[in-house]
Amino acid sequence: MLRFVNVLWALLLAAPVLASDPTGRIRVVDGDTLKVGGVTVRLHGIDAPEMDQTCRDGAGVDWRCGRWVTQVVTERYEGKRARCKTIEQDKYGRDVARCTVRGNDLGKVLVSDGRAFAYRYYSMAYDLDEKAAAVRRAGLHGYDVQSPAAFRKAQRSTPADRADGCVIKGNLSRSGARIYHVPGQENYARTRISPQKGERWFCNEAEARAAGWRRAKR
């Protein structure tokens, strides 16, 4: 009997312990991450643009869509009371949860409004909501936007794809125009390079021009 009790205690201690379901006032961290009653919550099944992520409008101009989404979520939900149901904890120690505000599923609202995307790798819960938003060109769907997951992957791979000293960014506009940005230009920091889309790094301007790219106007 004593041996059975000891084994039971060992199993209980080894089992992962999830925090109680967060409930409380919201403080917005970014488009898909909140503090709810002091607990950091990553909304389950959705993925919003990263804070430093940019999107491109119809004129080929980049704008800070990541900051915009965070601002919209803050204006709408900061200080309101949320009730969350924890599903798991991620590798960063955050509660991954579904949250409601006044009975409305926060993830569903953000995806339906085009402020975030369905994170299908983890859940299909908001798949149809995103498809409906895309048909309406709601929010982010009205712009040229890279998926947040692809953006994060590109950020991680950038140093390996760039040779030392080659810091000129060859970027494709929405219309397909080849434009390069040099350090110090207005949009240089916000320009992201996606080799899978045909974008690339150059070591000098002569190399970029010879390859058929033109310098950005600002």
N, C-alpha and C. Protein backbone atom coordinates (compact mmCIF):
# COMPACT_ATOMS: atom_id res chain seq x y z
N MET A 1 0.84 -1.21 0.00
CA MET A 1 0.00 0.00 0.00
C MET A 1 0.87 1.26 0.00
N LEU A 2 1.89 1.25 0.87
CA LEU A 2 2.78 2.41 0.95
C LEU A 2 3.48 2.64 -0.39
N ARG A 3 3.88 1.53 -1.02
CA ARG A 3 4.54 1.65 -2.32
C ARG A 3 3.60 2.26 -3.35
N PHE A 4 2.33 1.87 -3.33
CA PHE A 4 1.34 2.41 -4.27
C PHE A 4 1.18 3.92 -4.07
N VAL A 5 1.12 4.35 -2.81
CA VAL A 5 0.97 5.78 -2.51
C VAL A 5 2.18 6.56 -3.00
N ASN A 6 3.36 6.00 -2.81
CA ASN A 6 4.58 6.68 -3.26
C ASN A 6 4.61 6.83 -4.78
N VAL A 7 4.20 5.78 -5.48
CA VAL A 7 4.15 5.84 -6.94
C VAL A 7 3.14 6.88 -7.40
N LEU A 8 1.97 6.92 -6.72
CA LEU A 8 0.94 7.89 -7.09
C LEU A 8 1.44 9.32 -6.92
N TRP A 9 2.14 9.57 -5.79
CA TRP A 9 2.68 10.91 -5.54
C TRP A 9 3.72 11.27 -6.60
N ALA A 10 4.53 10.30 -7.00
CA ALA A 10 5.55 10.56 -8.01
C ALA A 10 4.92 10.94 -9.34
N LEU A 11 3.83 10.27 -9.70
CA LEU A 11 3.14 10.58 -10.95
C LEU A 11 2.52 11.96 -10.91
N LEU A 12 1.94 12.30 -9.77
CA LEU A 12 1.32 13.62 -9.63
C LEU A 12 2.35 14.74 -9.71
N LEU A 13 3.49 14.52 -9.09
CA LEU A 13 4.53 15.54 -9.11
C LEU A 13 5.15 15.69 -10.48
N ALA A 14 5.18 14.61 -11.26
CA ALA A 14 5.79 14.65 -12.59
C ALA A 14 4.85 15.25 -13.63
N ALA A 15 3.56 15.27 -13.37
CA ALA A 15 2.58 15.75 -14.35
C ALA A 15 2.70 17.27 -14.50
N PRO A 16 2.55 17.79 -15.72
CA PRO A 16 2.58 19.23 -15.91
C PRO A 16 1.39 19.89 -15.23
N VAL A 17 1.65 21.04 -14.63
CA VAL A 17 0.60 21.75 -13.90
C VAL A 17 0.25 23.03 -14.65
N LEU A 18 -0.97 23.14 -15.10
CA LEU A 18 -1.43 24.35 -15.76
C LEU A 18 -1.99 25.31 -14.73
N ALA A 19 -1.74 26.58 -14.97
CA ALA A 19 -2.28 27.59 -14.07
C ALA A 19 -3.80 27.61 -14.19
N SER A 20 -4.45 28.16 -13.18
CA SER A 20 -5.90 28.28 -13.24
C SER A 20 -6.27 29.21 -14.38
N ASP A 21 -7.47 29.07 -14.92
CA ASP A 21 -7.90 29.87 -16.06
C ASP A 21 -7.87 31.35 -15.73
N PRO A 22 -7.13 32.15 -16.50
CA PRO A 22 -7.00 33.58 -16.19
C PRO A 22 -8.33 34.32 -16.36
N THR A 23 -8.59 35.20 -15.44
CA THR A 23 -9.76 36.08 -15.51
C THR A 23 -9.36 37.42 -14.93
N GLY A 24 -9.76 38.50 -15.60
CA GLY A 24 -9.43 39.82 -15.07
C GLY A 24 -9.34 40.86 -16.16
N ARG A 25 -8.83 42.01 -15.78
CA ARG A 25 -8.70 43.12 -16.70
C ARG A 25 -7.59 42.86 -17.71
N ILE A 26 -7.80 43.36 -18.93
CA ILE A 26 -6.84 43.14 -20.02
C ILE A 26 -5.82 44.27 -20.08
N ARG A 27 -4.58 43.88 -20.26
CA ARG A 27 -3.54 44.81 -20.69
C ARG A 27 -2.95 44.23 -21.97
N VAL A 28 -3.02 44.99 -23.05
CA VAL A 28 -2.60 44.48 -24.36
C VAL A 28 -1.07 44.53 -24.48
N VAL A 29 -0.48 43.40 -24.87
CA VAL A 29 0.95 43.32 -25.13
C VAL A 29 1.21 43.53 -26.62
N ASP A 30 0.50 42.78 -27.45
CA ASP A 30 0.53 42.98 -28.90
C ASP A 30 -0.76 42.41 -29.48
N GLY A 31 -0.80 42.20 -30.80
CA GLY A 31 -2.05 41.81 -31.44
C GLY A 31 -2.64 40.49 -31.03
N ASP A 32 -1.83 39.57 -30.51
CA ASP A 32 -2.37 38.27 -30.09
C ASP A 32 -1.90 37.84 -28.71
N THR A 33 -1.32 38.76 -27.96
CA THR A 33 -0.82 38.46 -26.62
C THR A 33 -1.34 39.49 -25.63
N LEU A 34 -1.87 39.01 -24.50
CA LEU A 34 -2.46 39.89 -23.50
C LEU A 34 -1.94 39.55 -22.11
N LYS A 35 -2.11 40.48 -21.21
CA LYS A 35 -2.01 40.20 -19.79
C LYS A 35 -3.44 40.20 -19.27
N VAL A 36 -3.87 39.09 -18.71
CA VAL A 36 -5.24 38.98 -18.20
C VAL A 36 -5.14 38.69 -16.70
N GLY A 37 -5.53 39.67 -15.90
CA GLY A 37 -5.39 39.51 -14.46
C GLY A 37 -3.95 39.26 -14.05
N GLY A 38 -3.00 39.83 -14.80
CA GLY A 38 -1.59 39.68 -14.49
C GLY A 38 -0.93 38.46 -15.11
N VAL A 39 -1.71 37.59 -15.78
CA VAL A 39 -1.18 36.39 -16.41
C VAL A 39 -0.98 36.65 -17.91
N THR A 40 0.19 36.28 -18.44
CA THR A 40 0.45 36.46 -19.86
C THR A 40 -0.27 35.37 -20.65
N VAL A 41 -1.10 35.80 -21.60
CA VAL A 41 -1.93 34.88 -22.38
C VAL A 41 -1.65 35.06 -23.86
N ARG A 42 -1.34 33.97 -24.53
CA ARG A 42 -1.22 33.94 -26.00
C ARG A 42 -2.53 33.36 -26.52
N LEU A 43 -3.26 34.15 -27.31
CA LEU A 43 -4.56 33.71 -27.80
C LEU A 43 -4.41 32.48 -28.70
N HIS A 44 -5.19 31.46 -28.38
CA HIS A 44 -5.12 30.19 -29.11
C HIS A 44 -5.73 30.31 -30.51
N GLY A 45 -5.04 29.72 -31.50
CA GLY A 45 -5.62 29.58 -32.83
C GLY A 45 -5.54 30.79 -33.73
N ILE A 46 -4.87 31.88 -33.28
CA ILE A 46 -4.74 33.05 -34.15
C ILE A 46 -3.29 33.50 -34.17
N ASP A 47 -2.94 34.29 -35.19
CA ASP A 47 -1.59 34.81 -35.33
C ASP A 47 -1.70 36.21 -35.92
N ALA A 48 -1.26 37.21 -35.16
CA ALA A 48 -1.31 38.60 -35.61
C ALA A 48 0.09 39.04 -36.05
N PRO A 49 0.18 40.07 -36.90
CA PRO A 49 1.49 40.55 -37.33
C PRO A 49 2.37 40.93 -36.15
N GLU A 50 3.66 40.70 -36.30
CA GLU A 50 4.62 41.09 -35.27
C GLU A 50 4.68 42.61 -35.18
N MET A 51 5.10 43.11 -34.02
CA MET A 51 5.10 44.55 -33.78
C MET A 51 5.91 45.31 -34.83
N ASP A 52 7.03 44.74 -35.28
CA ASP A 52 7.87 45.44 -36.25
C ASP A 52 7.59 45.02 -37.69
N GLN A 53 6.50 44.29 -37.91
CA GLN A 53 6.18 43.82 -39.25
C GLN A 53 5.51 44.92 -40.06
N THR A 54 5.83 44.97 -41.34
CA THR A 54 5.20 45.95 -42.23
C THR A 54 4.37 45.24 -43.29
N CYS A 55 3.42 45.98 -43.85
CA CYS A 55 2.61 45.52 -44.97
C CYS A 55 2.78 46.52 -46.11
N ARG A 56 2.26 46.19 -47.26
CA ARG A 56 2.44 47.06 -48.42
C ARG A 56 1.09 47.38 -49.04
N ASP A 57 0.87 48.68 -49.31
CA ASP A 57 -0.41 49.08 -49.88
C ASP A 57 -0.38 48.98 -51.40
N GLY A 58 -1.48 49.38 -52.04
CA GLY A 58 -1.60 49.24 -53.48
C GLY A 58 -0.61 50.07 -54.26
N ALA A 59 -0.06 51.12 -53.63
CA ALA A 59 0.93 51.96 -54.29
C ALA A 59 2.35 51.47 -54.08
N GLY A 60 2.47 50.33 -53.39
CA GLY A 60 3.80 49.78 -53.12
C GLY A 60 4.50 50.40 -51.94
N VAL A 61 3.76 51.11 -51.11
CA VAL A 61 4.34 51.77 -49.94
C VAL A 61 4.18 50.88 -48.71
N ASP A 62 5.27 50.69 -47.99
CA ASP A 62 5.23 49.89 -46.76
C ASP A 62 4.68 50.71 -45.61
N TRP A 63 3.91 50.08 -44.75
CA TRP A 63 3.39 50.77 -43.56
C TRP A 63 3.40 49.79 -42.39
N ARG A 64 3.35 50.31 -41.18
CA ARG A 64 3.56 49.50 -39.98
C ARG A 64 2.26 48.83 -39.53
N CYS A 65 1.93 47.75 -40.20
CA CYS A 65 0.66 47.07 -39.88
C CYS A 65 0.71 46.37 -38.53
N GLY A 66 1.89 45.93 -38.09
CA GLY A 66 1.98 45.29 -36.78
C GLY A 66 1.62 46.24 -35.66
N ARG A 67 2.14 47.44 -35.73
CA ARG A 67 1.81 48.46 -34.72
C ARG A 67 0.34 48.86 -34.81
N TRP A 68 -0.17 48.91 -36.04
CA TRP A 68 -1.57 49.28 -36.23
C TRP A 68 -2.50 48.28 -35.56
N VAL A 69 -2.25 46.99 -35.76
CA VAL A 69 -3.09 45.96 -35.14
C VAL A 69 -3.04 46.08 -33.63
N THR A 70 -1.84 46.25 -33.08
CA THR A 70 -1.72 46.39 -31.62
C THR A 70 -2.50 47.60 -31.12
N GLN A 71 -2.44 48.69 -31.86
CA GLN A 71 -3.16 49.90 -31.48
C GLN A 71 -4.67 49.68 -31.49
N VAL A 72 -5.16 49.01 -32.54
CA VAL A 72 -6.60 48.75 -32.64
C VAL A 72 -7.07 47.85 -31.49
N VAL A 73 -6.30 46.78 -31.21
CA VAL A 73 -6.66 45.88 -30.12
C VAL A 73 -6.63 46.61 -28.78
N THR A 74 -5.65 47.49 -28.61
CA THR A 74 -5.55 48.27 -27.37
C THR A 74 -6.75 49.18 -27.19
N GLU A 75 -7.11 49.89 -28.25
CA GLU A 75 -8.24 50.83 -28.17
C GLU A 75 -9.54 50.10 -27.87
N ARG A 76 -9.67 48.89 -28.38
CA ARG A 76 -10.92 48.15 -28.23
C ARG A 76 -11.03 47.39 -26.90
N TYR A 77 -9.88 46.86 -26.41
CA TYR A 77 -9.97 45.92 -25.29
C TYR A 77 -9.19 46.29 -24.03
N GLU A 78 -8.30 47.26 -24.11
CA GLU A 78 -7.52 47.61 -22.92
C GLU A 78 -8.43 47.96 -21.74
N GLY A 79 -8.20 47.30 -20.61
CA GLY A 79 -8.97 47.59 -19.40
C GLY A 79 -10.28 46.83 -19.27
N LYS A 80 -10.71 46.16 -20.34
CA LYS A 80 -11.95 45.39 -20.25
C LYS A 80 -11.69 44.04 -19.58
N ARG A 81 -12.74 43.45 -19.09
CA ARG A 81 -12.61 42.20 -18.35
C ARG A 81 -12.73 41.00 -19.28
N ALA A 82 -11.81 40.07 -19.17
CA ALA A 82 -11.81 38.87 -20.00
C ALA A 82 -11.89 37.62 -19.14
N ARG A 83 -12.48 36.60 -19.70
CA ARG A 83 -12.49 35.27 -19.09
C ARG A 83 -11.82 34.32 -20.07
N CYS A 84 -10.81 33.60 -19.61
CA CYS A 84 -10.03 32.75 -20.51
C CYS A 84 -10.07 31.29 -20.06
N LYS A 85 -9.93 30.40 -21.02
CA LYS A 85 -9.84 28.98 -20.76
C LYS A 85 -8.49 28.49 -21.27
N THR A 86 -7.60 28.14 -20.36
CA THR A 86 -6.26 27.72 -20.73
C THR A 86 -6.28 26.34 -21.39
N ILE A 87 -5.59 26.24 -22.53
CA ILE A 87 -5.49 24.98 -23.26
C ILE A 87 -4.15 24.30 -22.98
N GLU A 88 -3.09 25.10 -22.96
CA GLU A 88 -1.75 24.58 -22.70
C GLU A 88 -0.84 25.76 -22.36
N GLN A 89 0.41 25.45 -22.08
CA GLN A 89 1.41 26.49 -21.92
C GLN A 89 2.45 26.31 -23.02
N ASP A 90 2.92 27.44 -23.58
CA ASP A 90 3.91 27.34 -24.66
C ASP A 90 5.32 27.33 -24.08
N LYS A 91 6.30 27.27 -24.97
CA LYS A 91 7.69 27.15 -24.53
C LYS A 91 8.21 28.40 -23.82
N TYR A 92 7.46 29.49 -23.94
CA TYR A 92 7.84 30.72 -23.25
C TYR A 92 7.17 30.85 -21.88
N GLY A 93 6.39 29.83 -21.51
CA GLY A 93 5.71 29.86 -20.23
C GLY A 93 4.40 30.63 -20.23
N ARG A 94 3.92 31.00 -21.40
CA ARG A 94 2.65 31.72 -21.49
C ARG A 94 1.48 30.75 -21.52
N ASP A 95 0.35 31.17 -20.97
CA ASP A 95 -0.87 30.40 -21.11
C ASP A 95 -1.40 30.58 -22.53
N VAL A 96 -1.62 29.49 -23.24
CA VAL A 96 -2.29 29.54 -24.54
C VAL A 96 -3.76 29.28 -24.26
N ALA A 97 -4.60 30.27 -24.55
CA ALA A 97 -5.99 30.19 -24.08
C ALA A 97 -6.96 30.81 -25.06
N ARG A 98 -8.21 30.38 -24.95
CA ARG A 98 -9.32 31.05 -25.63
C ARG A 98 -9.91 32.03 -24.62
N CYS A 99 -10.14 33.26 -25.07
CA CYS A 99 -10.65 34.29 -24.17
C CYS A 99 -11.92 34.92 -24.73
N THR A 100 -12.80 35.29 -23.83
CA THR A 100 -14.02 35.98 -24.22
C THR A 100 -14.11 37.31 -23.50
N VAL A 101 -14.70 38.27 -24.17
CA VAL A 101 -14.99 39.59 -23.59
C VAL A 101 -16.48 39.84 -23.82
N ARG A 102 -17.22 39.95 -22.73
CA ARG A 102 -18.68 40.11 -22.80
C ARG A 102 -19.31 38.98 -23.62
N GLY A 103 -18.76 37.79 -23.46
CA GLY A 103 -19.32 36.62 -24.14
C GLY A 103 -18.86 36.41 -25.57
N ASN A 104 -18.09 37.35 -26.10
CA ASN A 104 -17.62 37.22 -27.49
C ASN A 104 -16.20 36.64 -27.52
N ASP A 105 -16.00 35.65 -28.37
CA ASP A 105 -14.70 35.01 -28.53
C ASP A 105 -13.73 36.01 -29.16
N LEU A 106 -12.71 36.39 -28.38
CA LEU A 106 -11.78 37.43 -28.83
C LEU A 106 -11.03 37.01 -30.09
N GLY A 107 -10.59 35.75 -30.17
CA GLY A 107 -9.88 35.28 -31.35
C GLY A 107 -10.75 35.35 -32.59
N LYS A 108 -11.99 34.94 -32.45
CA LYS A 108 -12.93 34.95 -33.58
C LYS A 108 -13.17 36.38 -34.08
N VAL A 109 -13.32 37.32 -33.14
CA VAL A 109 -13.55 38.71 -33.52
C VAL A 109 -12.36 39.27 -34.28
N LEU A 110 -11.14 39.02 -33.79
CA LEU A 110 -9.94 39.58 -34.43
C LEU A 110 -9.73 38.99 -35.82
N VAL A 111 -9.97 37.70 -35.98
CA VAL A 111 -9.82 37.08 -37.30
C VAL A 111 -10.91 37.56 -38.25
N SER A 112 -12.14 37.65 -37.77
CA SER A 112 -13.25 38.09 -38.61
C SER A 112 -13.08 39.52 -39.09
N ASP A 113 -12.44 40.36 -38.24
CA ASP A 113 -12.21 41.77 -38.61
C ASP A 113 -10.96 41.96 -39.45
N GLY A 114 -10.21 40.89 -39.68
CA GLY A 114 -8.99 41.01 -40.46
C GLY A 114 -7.83 41.62 -39.69
N ARG A 115 -7.87 41.52 -38.36
CA ARG A 115 -6.76 42.03 -37.54
C ARG A 115 -5.74 40.92 -37.25
N ALA A 116 -6.12 39.68 -37.48
CA ALA A 116 -5.24 38.54 -37.24
C ALA A 116 -5.63 37.43 -38.21
N PHE A 117 -4.78 36.41 -38.28
CA PHE A 117 -5.02 35.29 -39.18
C PHE A 117 -5.29 34.02 -38.37
N ALA A 118 -6.00 33.09 -38.98
CA ALA A 118 -6.18 31.78 -38.36
C ALA A 118 -4.83 31.08 -38.34
N TYR A 119 -4.43 30.57 -37.19
CA TYR A 119 -3.14 29.89 -37.06
C TYR A 119 -3.39 28.40 -37.25
N ARG A 120 -3.52 27.99 -38.51
CA ARG A 120 -3.98 26.64 -38.84
C ARG A 120 -3.02 25.54 -38.41
N TYR A 121 -1.77 25.90 -38.20
CA TYR A 121 -0.80 24.90 -37.74
C TYR A 121 -1.23 24.32 -36.39
N TYR A 122 -1.91 25.16 -35.59
CA TYR A 122 -2.32 24.74 -34.26
C TYR A 122 -3.81 24.49 -34.13
N SER A 123 -4.62 25.14 -34.96
CA SER A 123 -6.06 24.99 -34.82
C SER A 123 -6.77 25.42 -36.10
N MET A 124 -7.88 24.74 -36.40
CA MET A 124 -8.71 25.12 -37.54
C MET A 124 -9.96 25.87 -37.07
N ALA A 125 -9.98 26.27 -35.82
CA ALA A 125 -11.17 26.87 -35.23
C ALA A 125 -11.64 28.12 -35.99
N TYR A 126 -10.70 28.89 -36.54
CA TYR A 126 -11.08 30.16 -37.16
C TYR A 126 -10.82 30.17 -38.67
N ASP A 127 -10.72 29.00 -39.25
CA ASP A 127 -10.45 28.87 -40.68
C ASP A 127 -11.51 29.57 -41.52
N LEU A 128 -12.78 29.29 -41.27
CA LEU A 128 -13.86 29.89 -42.06
C LEU A 128 -13.99 31.38 -41.81
N ASP A 129 -13.67 31.81 -40.59
CA ASP A 129 -13.73 33.25 -40.28
C ASP A 129 -12.69 34.01 -41.10
N GLU A 130 -11.50 33.42 -41.24
CA GLU A 130 -10.48 34.10 -42.04
C GLU A 130 -10.87 34.13 -43.52
N LYS A 131 -11.41 33.02 -44.02
CA LYS A 131 -11.79 32.97 -45.43
C LYS A 131 -12.87 34.01 -45.74
N ALA A 132 -13.81 34.18 -44.82
CA ALA A 132 -14.85 35.19 -45.01
C ALA A 132 -14.26 36.60 -44.99
N ALA A 133 -13.30 36.83 -44.10
CA ALA A 133 -12.65 38.14 -44.02
C ALA A 133 -11.86 38.43 -45.30
N ALA A 134 -11.21 37.39 -45.84
CA ALA A 134 -10.43 37.57 -47.07
C ALA A 134 -11.33 37.93 -48.24
N VAL A 135 -12.51 37.32 -48.32
CA VAL A 135 -13.46 37.64 -49.39
C VAL A 135 -13.88 39.10 -49.31
N ARG A 136 -14.08 39.60 -48.08
CA ARG A 136 -14.48 41.00 -47.88
C ARG A 136 -13.30 41.96 -47.95
N ARG A 137 -12.08 41.43 -48.04
CA ARG A 137 -10.86 42.23 -47.98
C ARG A 137 -10.84 43.09 -46.72
N ALA A 138 -11.26 42.47 -45.63
CA ALA A 138 -11.33 43.18 -44.35
C ALA A 138 -9.94 43.35 -43.75
N GLY A 139 -9.69 44.50 -43.16
CA GLY A 139 -8.46 44.74 -42.44
C GLY A 139 -7.21 44.44 -43.25
N LEU A 140 -6.40 43.53 -42.73
CA LEU A 140 -5.12 43.18 -43.36
C LEU A 140 -5.28 42.57 -44.74
N HIS A 141 -6.44 42.00 -45.03
CA HIS A 141 -6.64 41.34 -46.32
C HIS A 141 -6.73 42.32 -47.48
N GLY A 142 -6.79 43.61 -47.17
CA GLY A 142 -6.79 44.62 -48.22
C GLY A 142 -5.40 45.05 -48.63
N TYR A 143 -4.37 44.39 -48.08
CA TYR A 143 -2.99 44.79 -48.33
C TYR A 143 -2.14 43.56 -48.68
N ASP A 144 -0.94 43.84 -49.14
CA ASP A 144 0.03 42.78 -49.39
C ASP A 144 0.73 42.51 -48.06
N VAL A 145 0.44 41.38 -47.46
CA VAL A 145 0.97 41.09 -46.14
C VAL A 145 1.52 39.66 -46.09
N GLN A 146 2.68 39.53 -45.49
CA GLN A 146 3.28 38.22 -45.28
C GLN A 146 2.69 37.61 -44.02
N SER A 147 2.50 36.30 -44.02
CA SER A 147 1.98 35.68 -42.81
C SER A 147 2.97 35.92 -41.67
N PRO A 148 2.48 36.15 -40.44
CA PRO A 148 3.40 36.38 -39.32
C PRO A 148 4.41 35.25 -39.14
N ALA A 149 3.98 34.01 -39.37
CA ALA A 149 4.90 32.88 -39.22
C ALA A 149 6.03 32.96 -40.25
N ALA A 150 5.69 33.31 -41.49
CA ALA A 150 6.70 33.44 -42.54
C ALA A 150 7.63 34.61 -42.24
N PHE A 151 7.06 35.69 -41.71
CA PHE A 151 7.87 36.85 -41.33
C PHE A 151 8.89 36.47 -40.26
N ARG A 152 8.45 35.75 -39.25
CA ARG A 152 9.38 35.34 -38.19
C ARG A 152 10.47 34.42 -38.73
N LYS A 153 10.09 33.53 -39.62
CA LYS A 153 11.07 32.62 -40.21
C LYS A 153 12.10 33.40 -41.03
N ALA A 154 11.63 34.38 -41.81
CA ALA A 154 12.54 35.19 -42.61
C ALA A 154 13.49 35.99 -41.74
N GLN A 155 12.97 36.48 -40.61
CA GLN A 155 13.83 37.24 -39.70
C GLN A 155 14.94 36.37 -39.14
N ARG A 156 14.58 35.12 -38.83
CA ARG A 156 15.59 34.21 -38.26
C ARG A 156 16.62 33.82 -39.30
N SER A 157 16.23 33.74 -40.58
CA SER A 157 17.14 33.26 -41.62
C SER A 157 17.95 34.37 -42.26
N THR A 158 17.58 35.63 -42.02
CA THR A 158 18.24 36.74 -42.70
C THR A 158 19.75 36.76 -42.54
N PRO A 159 20.34 36.64 -41.32
CA PRO A 159 21.79 36.72 -41.19
C PRO A 159 22.52 35.67 -42.04
N ALA A 160 21.96 34.47 -42.14
CA ALA A 160 22.61 33.41 -42.90
C ALA A 160 22.54 33.68 -44.40
N ASP A 161 21.48 34.40 -44.84
CA ASP A 161 21.30 34.65 -46.26
C ASP A 161 22.12 35.85 -46.74
N ARG A 162 22.64 36.65 -45.81
CA ARG A 162 23.35 37.86 -46.17
C ARG A 162 24.85 37.68 -45.99
N ALA A 163 25.61 37.97 -47.03
CA ALA A 163 27.06 37.90 -46.90
C ALA A 163 27.55 39.11 -46.10
N ASP A 164 28.65 38.96 -45.41
CA ASP A 164 29.21 40.06 -44.63
C ASP A 164 29.45 41.28 -45.52
N GLY A 165 28.97 42.43 -45.06
CA GLY A 165 29.17 43.67 -45.80
C GLY A 165 28.12 43.94 -46.86
N CYS A 166 27.26 42.98 -47.15
CA CYS A 166 26.23 43.17 -48.18
C CYS A 166 24.93 43.59 -47.50
N VAL A 167 24.72 44.89 -47.38
CA VAL A 167 23.62 45.40 -46.56
C VAL A 167 22.55 46.13 -47.38
N ILE A 168 22.68 46.14 -48.69
CA ILE A 168 21.67 46.78 -49.53
C ILE A 168 20.53 45.80 -49.76
N LYS A 169 19.29 46.26 -49.53
CA LYS A 169 18.13 45.38 -49.58
C LYS A 169 17.41 45.51 -50.93
N GLY A 170 17.39 44.42 -51.68
CA GLY A 170 16.65 44.39 -52.94
C GLY A 170 15.25 43.88 -52.70
N ASN A 171 14.28 44.77 -52.85
CA ASN A 171 12.90 44.49 -52.45
C ASN A 171 11.97 44.57 -53.65
N LEU A 172 10.97 43.69 -53.73
CA LEU A 172 9.99 43.71 -54.81
C LEU A 172 8.73 44.44 -54.35
N SER A 173 8.28 45.41 -55.14
CA SER A 173 7.04 46.10 -54.81
C SER A 173 5.86 45.21 -55.15
N ARG A 174 4.68 45.65 -54.78
CA ARG A 174 3.48 44.85 -55.06
C ARG A 174 3.29 44.67 -56.56
N SER A 175 3.72 45.65 -57.34
CA SER A 175 3.57 45.56 -58.80
C SER A 175 4.71 44.77 -59.44
N GLY A 176 5.68 44.36 -58.62
CA GLY A 176 6.80 43.59 -59.14
C GLY A 176 8.02 44.41 -59.46
N ALA A 177 7.97 45.75 -59.20
CA ALA A 177 9.12 46.61 -59.47
C ALA A 177 10.28 46.25 -58.55
N ARG A 178 11.48 46.25 -59.10
CA ARG A 178 12.68 45.92 -58.32
C ARG A 178 13.29 47.19 -57.75
N ILE A 179 13.23 47.32 -56.45
CA ILE A 179 13.69 48.54 -55.77
C ILE A 179 14.69 48.16 -54.68
N TYR A 180 15.78 48.89 -54.59
CA TYR A 180 16.73 48.60 -53.51
C TYR A 180 16.81 49.76 -52.52
N HIS A 181 17.07 49.40 -51.27
CA HIS A 181 17.16 50.38 -50.18
C HIS A 181 18.55 50.31 -49.57
N VAL A 182 19.13 51.48 -49.34
CA VAL A 182 20.45 51.52 -48.72
C VAL A 182 20.31 52.02 -47.28
N PRO A 183 21.24 51.66 -46.39
CA PRO A 183 21.18 52.12 -45.00
C PRO A 183 21.05 53.64 -44.92
N GLY A 184 20.15 54.09 -44.05
CA GLY A 184 19.92 55.51 -43.88
C GLY A 184 18.69 56.02 -44.59
N GLN A 185 18.17 55.25 -45.57
CA GLN A 185 16.95 55.68 -46.24
C GLN A 185 15.74 55.46 -45.32
N GLU A 186 14.68 56.19 -45.61
CA GLU A 186 13.51 56.22 -44.73
C GLU A 186 12.91 54.85 -44.46
N ASN A 187 12.81 54.01 -45.48
CA ASN A 187 12.14 52.71 -45.32
C ASN A 187 13.10 51.54 -45.15
N TYR A 188 14.38 51.85 -44.98
CA TYR A 188 15.37 50.76 -44.91
C TYR A 188 15.08 49.80 -43.75
N ALA A 189 14.89 50.34 -42.56
CA ALA A 189 14.73 49.49 -41.37
C ALA A 189 13.48 48.63 -41.45
N ARG A 190 12.43 49.15 -42.12
CA ARG A 190 11.16 48.42 -42.18
C ARG A 190 11.11 47.42 -43.34
N THR A 191 12.08 47.49 -44.24
CA THR A 191 12.08 46.61 -45.41
C THR A 191 12.59 45.22 -45.03
N ARG A 192 11.82 44.21 -45.33
CA ARG A 192 12.19 42.82 -45.04
C ARG A 192 12.50 42.09 -46.35
N ILE A 193 13.49 41.23 -46.30
CA ILE A 193 13.91 40.49 -47.48
C ILE A 193 13.41 39.05 -47.40
N SER A 194 12.69 38.64 -48.44
CA SER A 194 12.17 37.27 -48.52
C SER A 194 12.77 36.61 -49.75
N PRO A 195 13.85 35.85 -49.58
CA PRO A 195 14.49 35.21 -50.73
C PRO A 195 13.54 34.32 -51.53
N GLN A 196 12.56 33.71 -50.84
CA GLN A 196 11.62 32.83 -51.54
C GLN A 196 10.74 33.59 -52.52
N LYS A 197 10.65 34.92 -52.37
CA LYS A 197 9.87 35.75 -53.29
C LYS A 197 10.75 36.37 -54.37
N GLY A 198 12.05 36.06 -54.34
CA GLY A 198 12.95 36.63 -55.33
C GLY A 198 13.68 37.87 -54.86
N GLU A 199 13.48 38.26 -53.61
CA GLU A 199 14.18 39.42 -53.06
C GLU A 199 15.58 39.00 -52.63
N ARG A 200 16.52 39.97 -52.53
CA ARG A 200 17.90 39.60 -52.26
C ARG A 200 18.70 40.76 -51.68
N TRP A 201 19.89 40.44 -51.24
CA TRP A 201 20.85 41.42 -50.72
C TRP A 201 21.88 41.75 -51.80
N PHE A 202 22.37 43.00 -51.77
CA PHE A 202 23.46 43.41 -52.66
C PHE A 202 24.60 43.99 -51.83
N CYS A 203 25.81 43.86 -52.38
CA CYS A 203 26.98 44.36 -51.67
C CYS A 203 27.27 45.82 -52.00
N ASN A 204 26.80 46.29 -53.15
CA ASN A 204 26.99 47.70 -53.51
C ASN A 204 25.92 48.09 -54.52
N GLU A 205 25.77 49.41 -54.74
CA GLU A 205 24.71 49.90 -55.62
C GLU A 205 24.96 49.53 -57.09
N ALA A 206 26.22 49.50 -57.49
CA ALA A 206 26.53 49.14 -58.87
C ALA A 206 26.05 47.72 -59.17
N GLU A 207 26.23 46.84 -58.21
CA GLU A 207 25.77 45.46 -58.38
C GLU A 207 24.25 45.41 -58.50
N ALA A 208 23.56 46.21 -57.66
CA ALA A 208 22.10 46.23 -57.70
C ALA A 208 21.58 46.76 -59.03
N ARG A 209 22.19 47.85 -59.51
CA ARG A 209 21.74 48.43 -60.78
C ARG A 209 22.02 47.49 -61.95
N ALA A 210 23.16 46.84 -61.91
CA ALA A 210 23.51 45.91 -62.97
C ALA A 210 22.52 44.73 -63.05
N ALA A 211 21.92 44.40 -61.90
CA ALA A 211 20.96 43.30 -61.84
C ALA A 211 19.54 43.75 -62.19
N GLY A 212 19.39 45.06 -62.49
CA GLY A 212 18.10 45.57 -62.91
C GLY A 212 17.24 46.18 -61.83
N TRP A 213 17.83 46.55 -60.69
CA TRP A 213 17.10 47.15 -59.59
C TRP A 213 17.37 48.65 -59.58
N ARG A 214 16.40 49.42 -59.12
CA ARG A 214 16.58 50.87 -59.00
C ARG A 214 16.54 51.30 -57.55
N ARG A 215 17.17 52.42 -57.25
CA ARG A 215 17.24 52.93 -55.88
C ARG A 215 15.88 53.46 -55.44
N ALA A 216 15.51 53.20 -54.18
CA ALA A 216 14.26 53.76 -53.63
C ALA A 216 14.34 55.28 -53.60
N LYS A 217 13.20 55.95 -53.79
CA LYS A 217 13.19 57.40 -53.84
C LYS A 217 13.44 58.04 -52.48
N ARG A 218 13.17 57.28 -51.41
CA ARG A 218 13.39 57.84 -50.07
C ARG A 218 13.80 56.76 -49.10
